């Protein structure tokens, strides 16, 4: 309920001032003090009645007027008049969008998990007459309707669905609350679930479960990778069976790769040397020595070039 008295007070003082001035004028002209006081009293009564009759509603307000206990009309926005004592204003109703926060504490989900849920309701009054006459306190009624609807939805929802599908819960809550408040002339615009709180012990268990699930997925991916590698090795083996020359070239390439990494001694089975036809152990040793000389030669050339570059720098 709201009452605006600023404009009415201004009118009261203006009319009262006019009445007082008229009484003073009568006293000056007639010299009759009783007549002057009567004029001043009449001015006071008129000012009081007019000030009580004038009301001003803001742009977003609608005013419910009861005349002798019965609904008479809706007024506002702007300036309007009522009959004092006969007309009563029980409600100044705000027609803007209003937000109401509500929550459900220690409510069991469908899988018997206690949760605390916070939500916000966005609503507005479409029919001020119904909101004023069909329900005693529509704001409290909306709050209680929202809480009971939230508890009903939580009791029918699994915890996993509640944590993952907040939009679905919000939409369902909006439909339920809108059906309950529609007879009161109220429209539910939207419902937003802010937070879902679960017990700390359950939160730790869910974190461990998520970690175990990630490790399982990692092991599955690693196993699948090994399977793919084995398949590729099998295909390569089939290729080498049908092409012995390719097998020899691959073996020689592997030996070369092992020798060029600054290695001077490589131990290989004698059967491998015979298969590669390198002329026995002496041939392999010659290849290794040759590669060692090549490496040493390349290193010496590198050192020489470095020395020359240093001499050139000194000459500069």
Protein backbone atom coordinates (compact mmCIF):
# COMPACT_ATOMS: atom_id res chain seq x y z
CA UNK A 1 0.00 0.00 0.00
CA UNK A 2 1.22 3.50 -0.86
CA UNK A 3 -0.03 7.00 -0.27
CA UNK A 4 1.00 10.16 -2.17
CA UNK A 5 0.49 13.37 -0.11
CA UNK A 6 2.87 15.92 -1.62
CA UNK A 7 0.49 17.28 -4.26
CA UNK A 8 -2.52 17.02 -1.92
CA UNK A 9 -0.63 18.94 0.78
CA UNK A 10 0.16 21.69 -1.71
CA UNK A 11 -3.52 22.00 -2.65
CA UNK A 12 -4.49 22.07 1.03
CA UNK A 13 -2.16 24.95 1.85
CA UNK A 14 -3.25 26.91 -1.24
CA UNK A 15 -6.96 26.58 -0.46
CA UNK A 16 -6.40 27.19 3.23
CA UNK A 17 -4.43 30.31 2.38
CA UNK A 18 -7.23 31.53 0.10
CA UNK A 19 -9.78 30.93 2.87
CA UNK A 20 -7.65 32.75 5.43
CA UNK A 21 -7.19 35.67 3.06
CA UNK A 22 -10.97 35.81 2.43
CA UNK A 23 -11.66 35.80 6.18
CA UNK A 24 -9.14 38.61 6.71
CA UNK A 25 -10.79 40.60 3.91
CA UNK A 26 -14.23 40.15 5.50
CA UNK A 27 -12.88 41.30 8.84
CA UNK A 28 -11.35 44.39 7.26
CA UNK A 29 -14.51 45.36 5.40
CA UNK A 30 -17.16 44.55 8.00
CA UNK A 31 -15.17 44.46 11.21
CA UNK A 32 -17.13 41.34 12.21
CA UNK A 33 -14.67 38.87 13.74
CA UNK A 34 -17.22 36.03 13.91
CA UNK A 35 -17.97 36.26 10.19
CA UNK A 36 -14.26 36.37 9.41
CA UNK A 37 -13.62 33.26 11.51
CA UNK A 38 -16.53 31.51 9.81
CA UNK A 39 -15.10 32.25 6.37
CA UNK A 40 -11.70 31.03 7.49
CA UNK A 41 -13.25 27.84 8.94
CA UNK A 42 -15.13 27.16 5.72
CA UNK A 43 -11.89 27.61 3.78
CA UNK A 44 -10.12 25.13 6.08
CA UNK A 45 -12.88 22.51 5.66
CA UNK A 46 -12.93 22.92 1.88
CA UNK A 47 -9.13 22.68 1.72
CA UNK A 48 -9.16 19.54 3.86
CA UNK A 49 -11.87 17.83 1.79
CA UNK A 50 -10.23 18.68 -1.53
CA UNK A 51 -6.78 17.59 -0.35
CA UNK A 52 -8.19 14.25 0.83
CA UNK A 53 -9.98 13.79 -2.49
CA UNK A 54 -6.97 14.40 -4.72
CA UNK A 55 -4.69 11.42 -5.45
CA UNK A 56 -1.81 10.98 -7.87
CA UNK A 57 -0.63 7.60 -9.21
CA UNK A 58 2.73 7.08 -10.89
CA UNK A 59 3.03 5.80 -14.44
CA UNK A 60 3.53 2.17 -13.33
CA UNK A 61 0.82 2.16 -10.64
CA UNK A 62 -2.80 1.08 -10.70
CA UNK A 63 -5.09 2.02 -7.79
CA UNK A 64 -7.97 -0.17 -6.59
CA UNK A 65 -10.91 1.86 -5.24
CA UNK A 66 -13.59 0.36 -3.01
CA UNK A 67 -16.79 2.36 -2.46
CA UNK A 68 -18.67 1.36 0.67
CA UNK A 69 -16.82 -1.96 0.70
CA UNK A 70 -17.50 -2.86 -2.96
CA UNK A 71 -15.16 -2.69 -5.90
CA UNK A 72 -15.75 0.58 -7.72
CA UNK A 73 -12.97 1.17 -10.25
CA UNK A 74 -9.29 1.13 -11.13
CA UNK A 75 -7.51 4.46 -11.37
CA UNK A 76 -4.13 5.61 -12.59
CA UNK A 77 -1.74 6.63 -13.78
CA UNK A 78 -2.00 10.36 -13.14
CA UNK A 79 -4.38 12.57 -11.18
CA UNK A 80 -7.76 11.23 -9.98
CA UNK A 81 -10.38 12.06 -7.34
CA UNK A 82 -12.10 9.99 -4.67
CA UNK A 83 -14.85 10.69 -2.18
CA UNK A 84 -13.33 10.85 1.30
CA UNK A 85 -14.68 8.38 3.88
CA UNK A 86 -16.91 6.71 1.26
CA UNK A 87 -14.09 5.58 -1.03
CA UNK A 88 -11.17 3.50 0.26
CA UNK A 89 -7.90 2.63 -1.49
CA UNK A 90 -6.68 -0.76 -0.23
CA UNK A 91 -3.90 -1.31 -2.85
CA UNK A 92 -1.47 0.66 -4.94
CA UNK A 93 -0.39 -2.10 -7.34
CA UNK A 94 2.95 -1.98 -9.19
CA UNK A 95 2.59 -3.25 -12.78
CA UNK A 96 6.33 -3.38 -13.52
CA UNK A 97 8.37 -6.59 -13.69
CA UNK A 98 9.16 -7.71 -10.14
CA UNK A 99 11.85 -10.15 -8.98
CA UNK A 100 11.31 -12.51 -6.07
CA UNK A 101 14.00 -14.80 -4.69
CA UNK A 102 13.03 -18.16 -3.23
CA UNK A 103 14.84 -21.32 -2.13
CA UNK A 104 14.35 -24.93 -1.08
CA UNK A 105 16.62 -26.16 1.73
CA UNK A 106 17.48 -29.80 2.50
CA UNK A 107 15.08 -31.12 -0.12
CA UNK A 108 15.50 -34.74 -1.25
CA UNK A 109 15.92 -35.46 -4.93
CA UNK A 110 14.49 -38.52 -6.65
CA UNK A 111 17.63 -40.49 -5.73
CA UNK A 112 17.37 -39.32 -2.06
CA UNK A 113 20.15 -36.72 -2.07
CA UNK A 114 19.56 -33.60 0.08
CA UNK A 115 20.18 -30.39 -1.88
CA UNK A 116 19.77 -26.64 -1.39
CA UNK A 117 18.47 -24.79 -4.43
CA UNK A 118 18.28 -21.00 -4.92
CA UNK A 119 16.14 -19.50 -7.69
CA UNK A 120 14.76 -16.14 -8.85
CA UNK A 121 11.24 -15.51 -10.16
CA UNK A 122 10.45 -12.73 -12.66
CA UNK A 123 6.75 -11.81 -12.73
CA UNK A 124 4.32 -8.93 -13.27
CA UNK A 125 0.69 -8.10 -12.52
CA UNK A 126 -1.51 -8.17 -15.63
CA UNK A 127 -4.90 -7.79 -13.94
CA UNK A 128 -4.74 -5.53 -10.84
CA UNK A 129 -8.41 -6.23 -10.03
CA UNK A 130 -7.83 -9.99 -9.66
CA UNK A 131 -4.56 -9.45 -7.79
CA UNK A 132 -6.35 -7.23 -5.26
CA UNK A 133 -9.66 -9.09 -4.86
CA UNK A 134 -8.97 -12.79 -5.53
CA UNK A 135 -6.04 -13.29 -3.13
CA UNK A 136 -5.33 -11.71 0.24
CA UNK A 137 -1.60 -10.97 -0.28
CA UNK A 138 -0.53 -11.80 -3.81
CA UNK A 139 3.20 -11.23 -3.15
CA UNK A 140 3.29 -13.73 -0.27
CA UNK A 141 1.12 -16.12 -2.26
CA UNK A 142 3.57 -16.01 -5.17
CA UNK A 143 6.52 -16.67 -2.85
CA UNK A 144 4.87 -19.71 -1.24
CA UNK A 145 3.66 -21.06 -4.59
CA UNK A 146 7.18 -20.80 -5.97
CA UNK A 147 8.73 -22.64 -3.02
CA UNK A 148 6.25 -25.51 -3.13
CA UNK A 149 6.67 -25.84 -6.90
CA UNK A 150 10.44 -25.94 -6.51
CA UNK A 151 10.22 -28.69 -3.89
CA UNK A 152 7.91 -30.72 -6.13
CA UNK A 153 10.27 -30.46 -9.09
CA UNK A 154 13.31 -31.39 -6.98
CA UNK A 155 11.53 -34.47 -5.62
CA UNK A 156 10.87 -35.69 -9.19
CA UNK A 157 14.36 -35.03 -10.58
CA UNK A 158 17.59 -37.03 -10.35
CA UNK A 159 20.63 -35.21 -9.00
CA UNK A 160 22.60 -35.66 -12.23
CA UNK A 161 19.74 -34.22 -14.29
CA UNK A 162 19.47 -31.29 -11.89
CA UNK A 163 23.16 -30.45 -12.15
CA UNK A 164 23.27 -30.74 -15.93
CA UNK A 165 19.82 -29.49 -16.96
CA UNK A 166 19.09 -26.26 -15.10
CA UNK A 167 17.35 -24.78 -18.13
CA UNK A 168 14.91 -27.68 -18.21
CA UNK A 169 14.14 -27.29 -14.49
CA UNK A 170 13.67 -23.52 -14.91
CA UNK A 171 11.24 -24.04 -17.78
CA UNK A 172 9.25 -26.62 -15.83
CA UNK A 173 9.09 -24.35 -12.79
CA UNK A 174 7.86 -21.46 -14.92
CA UNK A 175 4.99 -23.54 -16.29
CA UNK A 176 3.93 -24.81 -12.85
CA UNK A 177 4.05 -21.40 -11.15
CA UNK A 178 2.32 -19.68 -14.07
CA UNK A 179 -0.59 -22.13 -13.90
CA UNK A 180 -0.95 -21.51 -10.15
CA UNK A 181 -0.79 -17.70 -10.36
CA UNK A 182 -2.83 -17.14 -13.52
CA UNK A 183 -6.18 -16.97 -11.61
CA UNK A 184 -4.67 -14.10 -9.57
CA UNK A 185 -4.00 -11.98 -12.68
CA UNK A 186 -0.23 -12.55 -12.49
CA UNK A 187 2.03 -13.60 -15.34
CA UNK A 188 5.31 -15.46 -14.69
CA UNK A 189 7.90 -14.24 -17.20
CA UNK A 190 10.76 -16.57 -16.32
CA UNK A 191 12.41 -18.58 -13.55
CA UNK A 192 16.19 -18.79 -13.16
CA UNK A 193 17.89 -21.43 -10.98
CA UNK A 194 20.92 -19.67 -9.47
CA UNK A 195 22.69 -22.40 -7.54
CA UNK A 196 22.40 -26.05 -6.54
CA UNK A 197 24.32 -26.96 -3.37
CA UNK A 198 25.06 -30.58 -2.46
CA UNK A 199 26.66 -32.04 0.71
CA UNK A 200 30.49 -31.71 0.84
CA UNK A 201 31.02 -35.47 1.24
CA UNK A 202 28.98 -36.16 -1.88
CA UNK A 203 30.84 -33.44 -3.74
CA UNK A 204 34.19 -35.11 -2.91
CA UNK A 205 32.85 -38.50 -4.00
CA UNK A 206 31.66 -37.04 -7.31
CA UNK A 207 35.07 -35.45 -7.86
CA UNK A 208 36.80 -38.80 -7.28
CA UNK A 209 34.36 -40.48 -9.63
CA UNK A 210 35.05 -37.91 -12.35
CA UNK A 211 38.81 -38.39 -11.90
CA UNK A 212 38.47 -42.19 -12.15
CA UNK A 213 36.37 -41.79 -15.28
CA UNK A 214 39.05 -39.61 -16.90
CA UNK A 215 41.76 -42.17 -16.03
CA UNK A 216 39.63 -44.93 -17.54
CA UNK A 217 39.21 -42.96 -20.74
CA UNK A 218 42.95 -42.31 -20.89
CA UNK A 219 43.70 -46.03 -20.54
CA UNK A 220 41.16 -46.88 -23.22
CA UNK A 221 42.73 -44.36 -25.60
CA UNK A 222 46.24 -45.72 -24.87
CA UNK A 223 45.10 -49.30 -25.48
CA UNK A 224 43.43 -48.32 -28.74
CA UNK A 225 46.64 -46.58 -29.85
CA UNK A 226 48.69 -49.71 -29.13
CA UNK A 227 46.21 -51.79 -31.10
CA UNK A 228 46.52 -49.48 -34.09
CA UNK A 229 50.34 -49.61 -33.89
CA UNK A 230 50.25 -53.41 -33.75
CA UNK A 231 48.01 -53.49 -36.81
CA UNK A 232 50.44 -51.29 -38.71
CA UNK A 233 53.38 -53.51 -37.68
CA UNK A 234 51.43 -56.53 -38.92
CA UNK A 235 50.84 -54.89 -42.29
CA UNK A 236 54.56 -54.00 -42.52
CA UNK A 237 55.55 -57.59 -41.68
CA UNK A 238 53.37 -58.89 -44.51
CA UNK A 239 55.11 -56.49 -46.89
CA UNK A 240 58.58 -57.62 -45.77
CA UNK A 241 57.64 -61.34 -46.13
CA UNK A 242 56.82 -60.87 -49.79
CA UNK A 243 59.84 -58.59 -50.45
CA UNK A 244 63.16 -59.75 -48.85
CA UNK A 245 65.09 -56.90 -50.51
CA UNK A 246 62.95 -54.37 -48.67
CA UNK A 247 63.66 -56.21 -45.42
CA UNK A 248 67.44 -56.05 -46.10
CA UNK A 249 67.26 -52.34 -46.92
CA UNK A 250 65.27 -51.68 -43.76
CA UNK A 251 67.80 -53.62 -41.66
CA UNK A 252 70.71 -51.73 -43.21
CA UNK A 253 68.95 -48.42 -42.61
CA UNK A 254 68.36 -49.31 -38.95
CA UNK A 255 72.06 -50.21 -38.57
CA UNK A 256 73.11 -46.97 -40.25
CA UNK A 257 70.87 -44.94 -38.00
CA UNK A 258 72.41 -46.64 -34.97
CA UNK A 259 76.00 -46.04 -36.12
CA UNK A 260 75.67 -42.38 -37.09
CA UNK A 261 74.58 -41.26 -33.60
CA UNK A 262 78.24 -40.90 -32.45
CA UNK A 263 78.33 -44.62 -31.68
CA UNK A 264 81.53 -46.58 -32.25
CA UNK A 265 80.42 -50.03 -31.13
CA UNK A 266 77.17 -51.71 -32.11
CA UNK A 267 76.46 -55.27 -31.04
CA UNK A 268 74.29 -57.25 -33.48
CA UNK A 269 73.74 -61.01 -33.92
CA UNK A 270 75.99 -62.73 -36.47
CA UNK A 271 72.90 -64.11 -38.22
CA UNK A 272 71.81 -60.58 -38.98
CA UNK A 273 75.19 -59.78 -40.56
CA UNK A 274 75.01 -62.90 -42.73
CA UNK A 275 71.49 -62.03 -43.78
CA UNK A 276 72.48 -58.48 -44.73
CA UNK A 277 75.51 -59.84 -46.72
CA UNK A 278 77.94 -57.24 -45.44
CA UNK A 279 80.96 -59.55 -45.68
CA UNK A 280 81.18 -60.65 -42.07
CA UNK A 281 82.24 -58.83 -38.95
CA UNK A 282 85.20 -57.16 -40.65
CA UNK A 283 82.88 -55.48 -43.13
CA UNK A 284 80.72 -54.14 -40.36
CA UNK A 285 83.78 -52.88 -38.50
CA UNK A 286 85.00 -51.16 -41.65
CA UNK A 287 81.66 -49.46 -42.08
CA UNK A 288 81.73 -48.34 -38.45
CA UNK A 289 85.32 -47.06 -38.71
CA UNK A 290 84.49 -45.24 -41.93
CA UNK A 291 81.52 -43.56 -40.34
CA UNK A 292 83.66 -42.67 -37.32
CA UNK A 293 86.23 -41.04 -39.61
CA UNK A 294 83.54 -39.16 -41.42
CA UNK A 295 82.21 -37.85 -38.11
CA UNK A 296 85.69 -36.89 -36.94
CA UNK A 297 86.41 -35.20 -40.28
CA UNK A 298 83.22 -33.22 -40.10
CA UNK A 299 84.00 -32.20 -36.50
CA UNK A 300 87.55 -31.13 -37.40
CA UNK A 301 86.25 -29.13 -40.36
CA UNK A 302 83.79 -27.48 -38.02
CA UNK A 303 86.55 -26.61 -35.54
CA UNK A 304 88.77 -25.30 -38.33
CA UNK A 305 86.02 -23.14 -39.71
CA UNK A 306 85.39 -21.85 -36.21
CA UNK A 307 89.08 -21.03 -35.81
CA UNK A 308 89.17 -19.21 -39.11
CA UNK A 309 86.13 -17.19 -38.20
CA UNK A 310 87.74 -16.22 -34.87
CA UNK A 311 90.97 -15.14 -36.67
CA UNK A 312 88.94 -13.04 -39.09
CA UNK A 313 87.18 -11.39 -36.19
CA UNK A 314 90.54 -10.58 -34.54
CA UNK A 315 91.84 -9.11 -37.81
CA UNK A 316 88.78 -6.92 -38.04
